[in-house]
Amino acid sequence: MLIRKISYSLKKNIFVITNYSPMNYKFTIIVPVYNEEDNLDRVEKELLAYTKIATVPTSVLFVNDGSKDNSQQFIESICSRNENFNFLLFSENRGLSAAIKAGFDNVNTELVGYIDSDLQTAPEDFNLLLEHIGPYDLVTGVRANRKDSFVKNMSSKIANGIRRSFTHDGMDDTGCPLKVIKSDCAKRIPMFKGLHRFLPAMILLQNGKILQIPVQHFPRIAGVAKYGLWNRLLGPLMDCFAYLWMKKKYINYSVSKKSE
């Protein structure tokens, strides 16, 4: 079934869905995009190459987070020539967590993953994660030999340490933009701004199983990072308290039987 256009509203119109067709894919890769026009040709090339070697039938879903540059024109061109590439367009910038949640809400495949459009991680490493997803609900990458600046590496290391002390999820690098999640679990995650850093912890709240696997990491080739020290360190610290509140209030249940 092909969905041509759907409007979606939370108090006001946030995004539209255009030309989204799940077909018979098993895995959907979400690609959040915000002002990444310089990277999108490479994104198309590398993700298209990956879909040809993926261990399961794979589609790609761009989520344009209200880009101000020409990203949308690039995305529409990419989707027009690749039937397994589709997109969501936000009416305004809503942030990375919103983009990921929109992707989770709109996939129709058994598995969902995501990767940043800067491609500092390698799409082919999805196969490493998919290899282990069977008994797990989330498999996340851990960036080995990170190619970021000293300040970025240290702030991320400190932020991950603080987050682990709050969540006890055992994860070393929740900021790694390479994850595979079972879609039914992903759709149950009550996302809020900043919660993308807590995805493994949120799966644990569902009594799910999580695993981390080392993956490759590369320097950013084009474009600029959209997050500074506040986003990597101070913001996540504040989000830890939001997570603790949510953990205390989280409703978790399973249905053992229902009427026919």
C-alpha atoms as a PDB file:
ATOM      1  CA  MET A   1       0.000   0.000   0.000  1.00  0.00           C
ATOM      2  CA  LEU A   2       1.329   3.457  -0.944  1.00  0.00           C
ATOM      3  CA  ILE A   3       0.598   6.423   1.289  1.00  0.00           C
ATOM      4  CA  ARG A   4       0.824   9.632  -0.724  1.00  0.00           C
ATOM      5  CA  LYS A   5       0.348  12.297   1.923  1.00  0.00           C
ATOM      6  CA  ILE A   6      -0.878  12.419   5.513  1.00  0.00           C
ATOM      7  CA  SER A   7      -0.950  15.398   7.875  1.00  0.00           C
ATOM      8  CA  TYR A   8      -0.131  14.826  11.543  1.00  0.00           C
ATOM      9  CA  SER A   9      -0.842  17.187  14.413  1.00  0.00           C
ATOM     10  CA  LEU A  10       0.155  17.580  18.043  1.00  0.00           C
ATOM     11  CA  LYS A  11      -1.441  20.947  18.948  1.00  0.00           C
ATOM     12  CA  LYS A  12      -0.271  22.118  15.512  1.00  0.00           C
ATOM     13  CA  ASN A  13       0.778  20.473  12.277  1.00  0.00           C
ATOM     14  CA  ILE A  14       4.232  18.937  12.737  1.00  0.00           C
ATOM     15  CA  PHE A  15       4.940  16.829   9.712  1.00  0.00           C
ATOM     16  CA  VAL A  16       3.602  15.224   6.614  1.00  0.00           C
ATOM     17  CA  ILE A  17       4.215  11.755   5.265  1.00  0.00           C
ATOM     18  CA  THR A  18       4.876  11.550   1.572  1.00  0.00           C
ATOM     19  CA  ASN A  19       5.318   8.481  -0.625  1.00  0.00           C
ATOM     20  CA  TYR A  20       5.849   6.037   2.245  1.00  0.00           C
ATOM     21  CA  SER A  21       5.475   2.405   1.209  1.00  0.00           C
ATOM     22  CA  PRO A  22       6.552  -0.368   3.628  1.00  0.00           C
ATOM     23  CA  MET A  23       6.127  -3.174   1.047  1.00  0.00           C
ATOM     24  CA  ASN A  24       7.717  -6.423   2.246  1.00  0.00           C
ATOM     25  CA  TYR A  25      10.725  -5.055   4.077  1.00  0.00           C
ATOM     26  CA  LYS A  26      11.805  -6.404   7.458  1.00  0.00           C
ATOM     27  CA  PHE A  27      14.088  -3.563   8.569  1.00  0.00           C
ATOM     28  CA  THR A  28      13.702   0.218   8.268  1.00  0.00           C
ATOM     29  CA  ILE A  29      16.634   2.584   8.776  1.00  0.00           C
ATOM     30  CA  ILE A  30      15.588   6.007  10.083  1.00  0.00           C
ATOM     31  CA  VAL A  31      17.848   8.869   8.972  1.00  0.00           C
ATOM     32  CA  PRO A  32      17.184  12.118  10.876  1.00  0.00           C
ATOM     33  CA  VAL A  33      18.166  15.125   8.755  1.00  0.00           C
ATOM     34  CA  TYR A  34      18.688  18.731   9.788  1.00  0.00           C
ATOM     35  CA  ASN A  35      20.561  20.995   7.345  1.00  0.00           C
ATOM     36  CA  GLU A  36      22.675  18.204   5.863  1.00  0.00           C
ATOM     37  CA  GLU A  37      22.547  19.068   2.153  1.00  0.00           C
ATOM     38  CA  ASP A  38      26.313  18.579   1.826  1.00  0.00           C
ATOM     39  CA  ASN A  39      26.072  14.994   3.061  1.00  0.00           C
ATOM     40  CA  LEU A  40      22.979  13.664   1.316  1.00  0.00           C
ATOM     41  CA  ASP A  41      24.574  12.539  -1.955  1.00  0.00           C
ATOM     42  CA  ARG A  42      26.953  10.399   0.076  1.00  0.00           C
ATOM     43  CA  VAL A  43      24.103   9.197   2.296  1.00  0.00           C
ATOM     44  CA  GLU A  44      22.230   7.970  -0.778  1.00  0.00           C
ATOM     45  CA  LYS A  45      25.271   6.221  -2.192  1.00  0.00           C
ATOM     46  CA  GLU A  46      26.256   4.454   1.032  1.00  0.00           C
ATOM     47  CA  LEU A  47      22.772   3.473   2.152  1.00  0.00           C
ATOM     48  CA  LEU A  48      21.852   2.229  -1.311  1.00  0.00           C
ATOM     49  CA  ALA A  49      25.019   0.122  -1.309  1.00  0.00           C
ATOM     50  CA  TYR A  50      24.106  -1.219   2.119  1.00  0.00           C
ATOM     51  CA  THR A  51      20.587  -2.232   1.111  1.00  0.00           C
ATOM     52  CA  LYS A  52      22.184  -4.509  -1.484  1.00  0.00           C
ATOM     53  CA  ILE A  53      24.254  -6.368   1.126  1.00  0.00           C
ATOM     54  CA  ALA A  54      21.842  -6.147   4.070  1.00  0.00           C
ATOM     55  CA  THR A  55      21.106  -9.467   5.733  1.00  0.00           C
ATOM     56  CA  VAL A  56      17.367  -8.682   5.718  1.00  0.00           C
ATOM     57  CA  PRO A  57      15.207  -6.731   3.210  1.00  0.00           C
ATOM     58  CA  THR A  58      15.795  -3.083   4.134  1.00  0.00           C
ATOM     59  CA  SER A  59      14.167   0.280   3.456  1.00  0.00           C
ATOM     60  CA  VAL A  60      15.259   3.802   4.375  1.00  0.00           C
ATOM     61  CA  LEU A  61      13.113   6.508   5.946  1.00  0.00           C
ATOM     62  CA  PHE A  62      14.455  10.075   5.997  1.00  0.00           C
ATOM     63  CA  VAL A  63      12.972  12.340   8.677  1.00  0.00           C
ATOM     64  CA  ASN A  64      13.618  15.956   7.710  1.00  0.00           C
ATOM     65  CA  ASP A  65      13.572  17.907  10.964  1.00  0.00           C
ATOM     66  CA  GLY A  66      12.527  21.226   9.416  1.00  0.00           C
ATOM     67  CA  SER A  67      15.792  21.868   7.543  1.00  0.00           C
ATOM     68  CA  LYS A  68      16.389  25.450   6.376  1.00  0.00           C
ATOM     69  CA  ASP A  69      18.802  24.534   3.574  1.00  0.00           C
ATOM     70  CA  ASN A  70      18.153  22.472   0.434  1.00  0.00           C
ATOM     71  CA  SER A  71      18.022  19.123   2.242  1.00  0.00           C
ATOM     72  CA  GLN A  72      14.389  18.504   1.289  1.00  0.00           C
ATOM     73  CA  GLN A  73      15.070  18.918  -2.431  1.00  0.00           C
ATOM     74  CA  PHE A  74      17.893  16.380  -2.155  1.00  0.00           C
ATOM     75  CA  ILE A  75      15.696  13.984  -0.170  1.00  0.00           C
ATOM     76  CA  GLU A  76      12.839  14.142  -2.668  1.00  0.00           C
ATOM     77  CA  SER A  77      15.221  13.498  -5.556  1.00  0.00           C
ATOM     78  CA  ILE A  78      16.733  10.523  -3.739  1.00  0.00           C
ATOM     79  CA  CYS A  79      13.312   9.045  -2.975  1.00  0.00           C
ATOM     80  CA  SER A  80      12.083   9.563  -6.528  1.00  0.00           C
ATOM     81  CA  ARG A  81      14.817   7.332  -7.943  1.00  0.00           C
ATOM     82  CA  ASN A  82      14.950   4.707  -5.177  1.00  0.00           C
ATOM     83  CA  GLU A  83      11.698   2.888  -4.405  1.00  0.00           C
ATOM     84  CA  ASN A  84      12.920   1.706  -0.995  1.00  0.00           C
ATOM     85  CA  PHE A  85      13.780   5.275   0.120  1.00  0.00           C
ATOM     86  CA  ASN A  86      10.966   7.342   1.670  1.00  0.00           C
ATOM     87  CA  PHE A  87      10.615  10.441   3.814  1.00  0.00           C
ATOM     88  CA  LEU A  88       8.772  12.387   6.469  1.00  0.00           C
ATOM     89  CA  LEU A  89       8.935  16.191   6.400  1.00  0.00           C
ATOM     90  CA  PHE A  90       8.473  18.195   9.603  1.00  0.00           C
ATOM     91  CA  SER A  91       6.743  21.552   9.271  1.00  0.00           C
ATOM     92  CA  GLU A  92       9.282  22.999  11.715  1.00  0.00           C
ATOM     93  CA  ASN A  93      12.415  22.014  13.588  1.00  0.00           C
ATOM     94  CA  ARG A  94      11.457  19.779  16.535  1.00  0.00           C
ATOM     95  CA  GLY A  95      14.750  18.128  17.503  1.00  0.00           C
ATOM     96  CA  LEU A  96      16.431  14.745  17.194  1.00  0.00           C
ATOM     97  CA  SER A  97      14.213  12.932  19.694  1.00  0.00           C
ATOM     98  CA  ALA A  98      11.095  14.049  17.817  1.00  0.00           C
ATOM     99  CA  ALA A  99      12.595  12.900  14.516  1.00  0.00           C
ATOM    100  CA  ILE A 100      13.409   9.474  15.933  1.00  0.00           C
ATOM    101  CA  LYS A 101       9.965   9.124  17.505  1.00  0.00           C
ATOM    102  CA  ALA A 102       8.274  10.088  14.231  1.00  0.00           C
ATOM    103  CA  GLY A 103      10.262   7.350  12.556  1.00  0.00           C
ATOM    104  CA  PHE A 104       9.317   4.808  15.233  1.00  0.00           C
ATOM    105  CA  ASP A 105       5.647   5.790  14.954  1.00  0.00           C
ATOM    106  CA  ASN A 106       5.541   5.384  11.187  1.00  0.00           C
ATOM    107  CA  VAL A 107       7.522   2.234  10.412  1.00  0.00           C
ATOM    108  CA  ASN A 108       5.674  -0.956   9.528  1.00  0.00           C
ATOM    109  CA  THR A 109       8.605  -3.334   9.640  1.00  0.00           C
ATOM    110  CA  GLU A 110       9.543  -5.861  12.318  1.00  0.00           C
ATOM    111  CA  LEU A 111      12.836  -4.087  13.018  1.00  0.00           C
ATOM    112  CA  VAL A 112      13.820  -0.426  13.066  1.00  0.00           C
ATOM    113  CA  GLY A 113      17.192   1.250  13.320  1.00  0.00           C
ATOM    114  CA  TYR A 114      18.686   4.655  12.856  1.00  0.00           C
ATOM    115  CA  ILE A 115      21.881   6.291  11.709  1.00  0.00           C
ATOM    116  CA  ASP A 116      22.976   9.924  11.626  1.00  0.00           C
ATOM    117  CA  SER A 117      23.138  11.633   8.245  1.00  0.00           C
ATOM    118  CA  ASP A 118      26.745  12.701   8.905  1.00  0.00           C
ATOM    119  CA  LEU A 119      27.685   9.016   8.378  1.00  0.00           C
ATOM    120  CA  GLN A 120      30.338   8.970  11.088  1.00  0.00           C
ATOM    121  CA  THR A 121      29.216   5.384  11.535  1.00  0.00           C
ATOM    122  CA  ALA A 122      29.139   2.826   8.724  1.00  0.00           C
ATOM    123  CA  PRO A 123      25.820   1.465   7.387  1.00  0.00           C
ATOM    124  CA  GLU A 124      27.394  -1.945   6.790  1.00  0.00           C
ATOM    125  CA  ASP A 125      27.807  -2.292  10.561  1.00  0.00           C
ATOM    126  CA  PHE A 126      24.034  -2.697  10.793  1.00  0.00           C
ATOM    127  CA  ASN A 127      24.712  -6.287   9.760  1.00  0.00           C
ATOM    128  CA  LEU A 128      26.764  -6.756  12.952  1.00  0.00           C
ATOM    129  CA  LEU A 129      23.833  -5.534  15.035  1.00  0.00           C
ATOM    130  CA  LEU A 130      21.257  -7.547  13.082  1.00  0.00           C
ATOM    131  CA  GLU A 131      23.331 -10.686  13.647  1.00  0.00           C
ATOM    132  CA  HIS A 132      22.659 -10.400  17.394  1.00  0.00           C
ATOM    133  CA  ILE A 133      19.119  -8.969  17.512  1.00  0.00           C
ATOM    134  CA  GLY A 134      17.382 -12.380  17.775  1.00  0.00           C
ATOM    135  CA  PRO A 135      17.154 -12.756  21.591  1.00  0.00           C
ATOM    136  CA  TYR A 136      17.496  -9.016  22.241  1.00  0.00           C
ATOM    137  CA  ASP A 137      15.070  -6.113  21.975  1.00  0.00           C
ATOM    138  CA  LEU A 138      17.767  -3.512  21.275  1.00  0.00           C
ATOM    139  CA  VAL A 139      21.315  -3.840  19.998  1.00  0.00           C
ATOM    140  CA  THR A 140      23.367  -0.652  20.000  1.00  0.00           C
ATOM    141  CA  GLY A 141      26.773   0.193  18.610  1.00  0.00           C
ATOM    142  CA  VAL A 142      29.714   1.392  20.685  1.00  0.00           C
ATOM    143  CA  ARG A 143      31.964   3.720  18.713  1.00  0.00           C
ATOM    144  CA  ALA A 144      35.462   2.208  18.740  1.00  0.00           C
ATOM    145  CA  ASN A 145      38.441   4.554  18.297  1.00  0.00           C
ATOM    146  CA  ARG A 146      36.249   7.648  18.054  1.00  0.00           C
ATOM    147  CA  LYS A 147      37.418  10.243  15.549  1.00  0.00           C
ATOM    148  CA  ASP A 148      35.952  13.293  17.299  1.00  0.00           C
ATOM    149  CA  SER A 149      37.681  16.217  19.015  1.00  0.00           C
ATOM    150  CA  PHE A 150      39.105  15.858  22.510  1.00  0.00           C
ATOM    151  CA  VAL A 151      36.405  18.114  23.963  1.00  0.00           C
ATOM    152  CA  LYS A 152      33.596  16.166  22.287  1.00  0.00           C
ATOM    153  CA  ASN A 153      35.041  12.811  23.332  1.00  0.00           C
ATOM    154  CA  MET A 154      35.572  13.864  26.951  1.00  0.00           C
ATOM    155  CA  SER A 155      32.163  15.524  27.311  1.00  0.00           C
ATOM    156  CA  SER A 156      30.486  12.413  25.895  1.00  0.00           C
ATOM    157  CA  LYS A 157      32.490  10.149  28.196  1.00  0.00           C
ATOM    158  CA  ILE A 158      31.523  12.207  31.243  1.00  0.00           C
ATOM    159  CA  ALA A 159      27.874  12.389  30.156  1.00  0.00           C
ATOM    160  CA  ASN A 160      27.743   8.620  29.616  1.00  0.00           C
ATOM    161  CA  GLY A 161      29.231   8.037  33.059  1.00  0.00           C
ATOM    162  CA  ILE A 162      26.653  10.293  34.702  1.00  0.00           C
ATOM    163  CA  ARG A 163      23.819   8.690  32.765  1.00  0.00           C
ATOM    164  CA  ARG A 164      24.976   5.169  33.699  1.00  0.00           C
ATOM    165  CA  SER A 165      24.993   6.126  37.384  1.00  0.00           C
ATOM    166  CA  PHE A 166      21.328   7.114  37.055  1.00  0.00           C
ATOM    167  CA  THR A 167      20.054   4.342  34.785  1.00  0.00           C
ATOM    168  CA  HIS A 168      22.338   1.380  35.612  1.00  0.00           C
ATOM    169  CA  ASP A 169      21.863   0.220  32.028  1.00  0.00           C
ATOM    170  CA  GLY A 170      25.509  -0.856  31.615  1.00  0.00           C
ATOM    171  CA  MET A 171      25.794   0.910  28.265  1.00  0.00           C
ATOM    172  CA  ASP A 172      29.064   2.704  27.432  1.00  0.00           C
ATOM    173  CA  ASP A 173      27.960   4.852  24.486  1.00  0.00           C
ATOM    174  CA  THR A 174      24.226   5.524  24.216  1.00  0.00           C
ATOM    175  CA  GLY A 175      25.004   8.478  21.937  1.00  0.00           C
ATOM    176  CA  CYS A 176      26.184   6.106  19.210  1.00  0.00           C
ATOM    177  CA  PRO A 177      23.873   6.776  16.235  1.00  0.00           C
ATOM    178  CA  LEU A 178      23.709   3.143  15.164  1.00  0.00           C
ATOM    179  CA  LYS A 179      21.004   1.003  16.742  1.00  0.00           C
ATOM    180  CA  VAL A 180      18.613  -1.809  15.862  1.00  0.00           C
ATOM    181  CA  ILE A 181      15.398  -2.188  17.877  1.00  0.00           C
ATOM    182  CA  LYS A 182      12.396  -4.475  17.634  1.00  0.00           C
ATOM    183  CA  SER A 183       9.676  -2.157  16.401  1.00  0.00           C
ATOM    184  CA  ASP A 184       7.008  -3.219  18.880  1.00  0.00           C
ATOM    185  CA  CYS A 185       9.348  -2.155  21.709  1.00  0.00           C
ATOM    186  CA  ALA A 186      10.356   1.067  19.957  1.00  0.00           C
ATOM    187  CA  LYS A 187       6.741   2.103  19.493  1.00  0.00           C
ATOM    188  CA  ARG A 188       6.083   1.724  23.240  1.00  0.00           C
ATOM    189  CA  ILE A 189       8.879   4.106  24.260  1.00  0.00           C
ATOM    190  CA  PRO A 190       7.347   7.319  25.703  1.00  0.00           C
ATOM    191  CA  MET A 191       9.736   9.750  24.050  1.00  0.00           C
ATOM    192  CA  PHE A 192      10.424  13.285  25.192  1.00  0.00           C
ATOM    193  CA  LYS A 193      13.066  15.788  24.118  1.00  0.00           C
ATOM    194  CA  GLY A 194      16.506  14.382  24.886  1.00  0.00           C
ATOM    195  CA  LEU A 195      15.303  10.850  25.562  1.00  0.00           C
ATOM    196  CA  HIS A 196      17.068   9.423  22.518  1.00  0.00           C
ATOM    197  CA  ARG A 197      20.111   9.091  24.816  1.00  0.00           C
ATOM    198  CA  PHE A 198      18.098   6.793  27.088  1.00  0.00           C
ATOM    199  CA  LEU A 199      16.774   4.276  24.576  1.00  0.00           C
ATOM    200  CA  PRO A 200      18.531   1.251  26.153  1.00  0.00           C
ATOM    201  CA  ALA A 201      17.284   2.271  29.605  1.00  0.00           C
ATOM    202  CA  MET A 202      13.751   2.666  28.270  1.00  0.00           C
ATOM    203  CA  ILE A 203      13.888  -0.833  26.792  1.00  0.00           C
ATOM    204  CA  LEU A 204      14.927  -2.127  30.211  1.00  0.00           C
ATOM    205  CA  LEU A 205      11.821  -0.489  31.689  1.00  0.00           C
ATOM    206  CA  GLN A 206       9.853  -2.807  29.397  1.00  0.00           C
ATOM    207  CA  ASN A 207      11.794  -5.749  30.873  1.00  0.00           C
ATOM    208  CA  GLY A 208      13.548  -6.030  27.523  1.00  0.00           C
ATOM    209  CA  LYS A 209      17.070  -7.268  26.787  1.00  0.00           C
ATOM    210  CA  ILE A 210      19.836  -5.030  25.425  1.00  0.00           C
ATOM    211  CA  LEU A 211      23.316  -5.556  24.007  1.00  0.00           C
ATOM    212  CA  GLN A 212      26.176  -3.332  22.823  1.00  0.00           C
ATOM    213  CA  ILE A 213      28.537  -4.189  19.959  1.00  0.00           C
ATOM    214  CA  PRO A 214      31.706  -2.283  18.882  1.00  0.00           C
ATOM    215  CA  VAL A 215      31.308  -0.500  15.527  1.00  0.00           C
ATOM    216  CA  GLN A 216      33.490   1.659  13.310  1.00  0.00           C
ATOM    217  CA  HIS A 217      33.672   5.435  13.669  1.00  0.00           C
ATOM    218  CA  PHE A 218      34.877   8.068  11.199  1.00  0.00           C
ATOM    219  CA  PRO A 219      35.520  11.824  11.149  1.00  0.00           C
ATOM    220  CA  ARG A 220      32.736  14.071   9.864  1.00  0.00           C
ATOM    221  CA  ILE A 221      33.476  14.776   6.176  1.00  0.00           C
ATOM    222  CA  ALA A 222      30.920  17.507   5.417  1.00  0.00           C
ATOM    223  CA  GLY A 223      28.511  19.779   7.241  1.00  0.00           C
ATOM    224  CA  VAL A 224      28.812  20.842  10.869  1.00  0.00           C
ATOM    225  CA  ALA A 225      27.787  19.225  14.157  1.00  0.00           C
ATOM    226  CA  LYS A 226      24.419  20.481  15.408  1.00  0.00           C
ATOM    227  CA  TYR A 227      25.109  19.914  19.095  1.00  0.00           C
ATOM    228  CA  GLY A 228      27.492  21.731  21.408  1.00  0.00           C
ATOM    229  CA  LEU A 229      28.730  21.239  24.961  1.00  0.00           C
ATOM    230  CA  TRP A 230      25.268  21.947  26.429  1.00  0.00           C
ATOM    231  CA  ASN A 231      23.643  19.216  24.362  1.00  0.00           C
ATOM    232  CA  ARG A 232      26.348  16.645  25.081  1.00  0.00           C
ATOM    233  CA  LEU A 233      26.890  17.279  28.788  1.00  0.00           C
ATOM    234  CA  LEU A 234      24.617  19.643  30.696  1.00  0.00           C
ATOM    235  CA  GLY A 235      21.445  18.771  28.787  1.00  0.00           C
ATOM    236  CA  PRO A 236      21.795  15.016  29.376  1.00  0.00           C
ATOM    237  CA  LEU A 237      22.420  15.650  33.076  1.00  0.00           C
ATOM    238  CA  MET A 238      19.049  17.384  33.350  1.00  0.00           C
ATOM    239  CA  ASP A 239      17.433  14.593  31.316  1.00  0.00           C
ATOM    240  CA  CYS A 240      18.639  12.050  33.894  1.00  0.00           C
ATOM    241  CA  PHE A 241      16.230  13.510  36.431  1.00  0.00           C
ATOM    242  CA  ALA A 242      13.414  13.336  33.887  1.00  0.00           C
ATOM    243  CA  TYR A 243      14.285   9.675  33.343  1.00  0.00           C
ATOM    244  CA  LEU A 244      14.163   8.945  37.083  1.00  0.00           C
ATOM    245  CA  TRP A 245      10.717  10.521  37.280  1.00  0.00           C
ATOM    246  CA  MET A 246       9.552   8.472  34.304  1.00  0.00           C
ATOM    247  CA  LYS A 247      11.035   5.279  35.752  1.00  0.00           C
ATOM    248  CA  LYS A 248       9.038   5.814  38.937  1.00  0.00           C
ATOM    249  CA  LYS A 249       5.809   6.471  37.029  1.00  0.00           C
ATOM    250  CA  TYR A 250       6.282   4.042  34.128  1.00  0.00           C
ATOM    251  CA  ILE A 251       3.372   1.651  33.508  1.00  0.00           C
ATOM    252  CA  ASN A 252       4.415  -1.799  32.348  1.00  0.00           C
ATOM    253  CA  TYR A 253       2.060  -4.733  31.826  1.00  0.00           C
ATOM    254  CA  SER A 254       1.562  -7.834  29.731  1.00  0.00           C
ATOM    255  CA  VAL A 255      -1.714  -9.466  28.709  1.00  0.00           C
ATOM    256  CA  SER A 256      -1.780 -13.219  29.348  1.00  0.00           C
ATOM    257  CA  LYS A 257      -5.195 -13.887  27.840  1.00  0.00           C
ATOM    258  CA  LYS A 258      -8.070 -12.065  26.151  1.00  0.00           C
ATOM    259  CA  SER A 259     -11.496 -12.970  24.815  1.00  0.00           C
ATOM    260  CA  GLU A 260     -11.797 -14.205  21.251  1.00  0.00           C
END
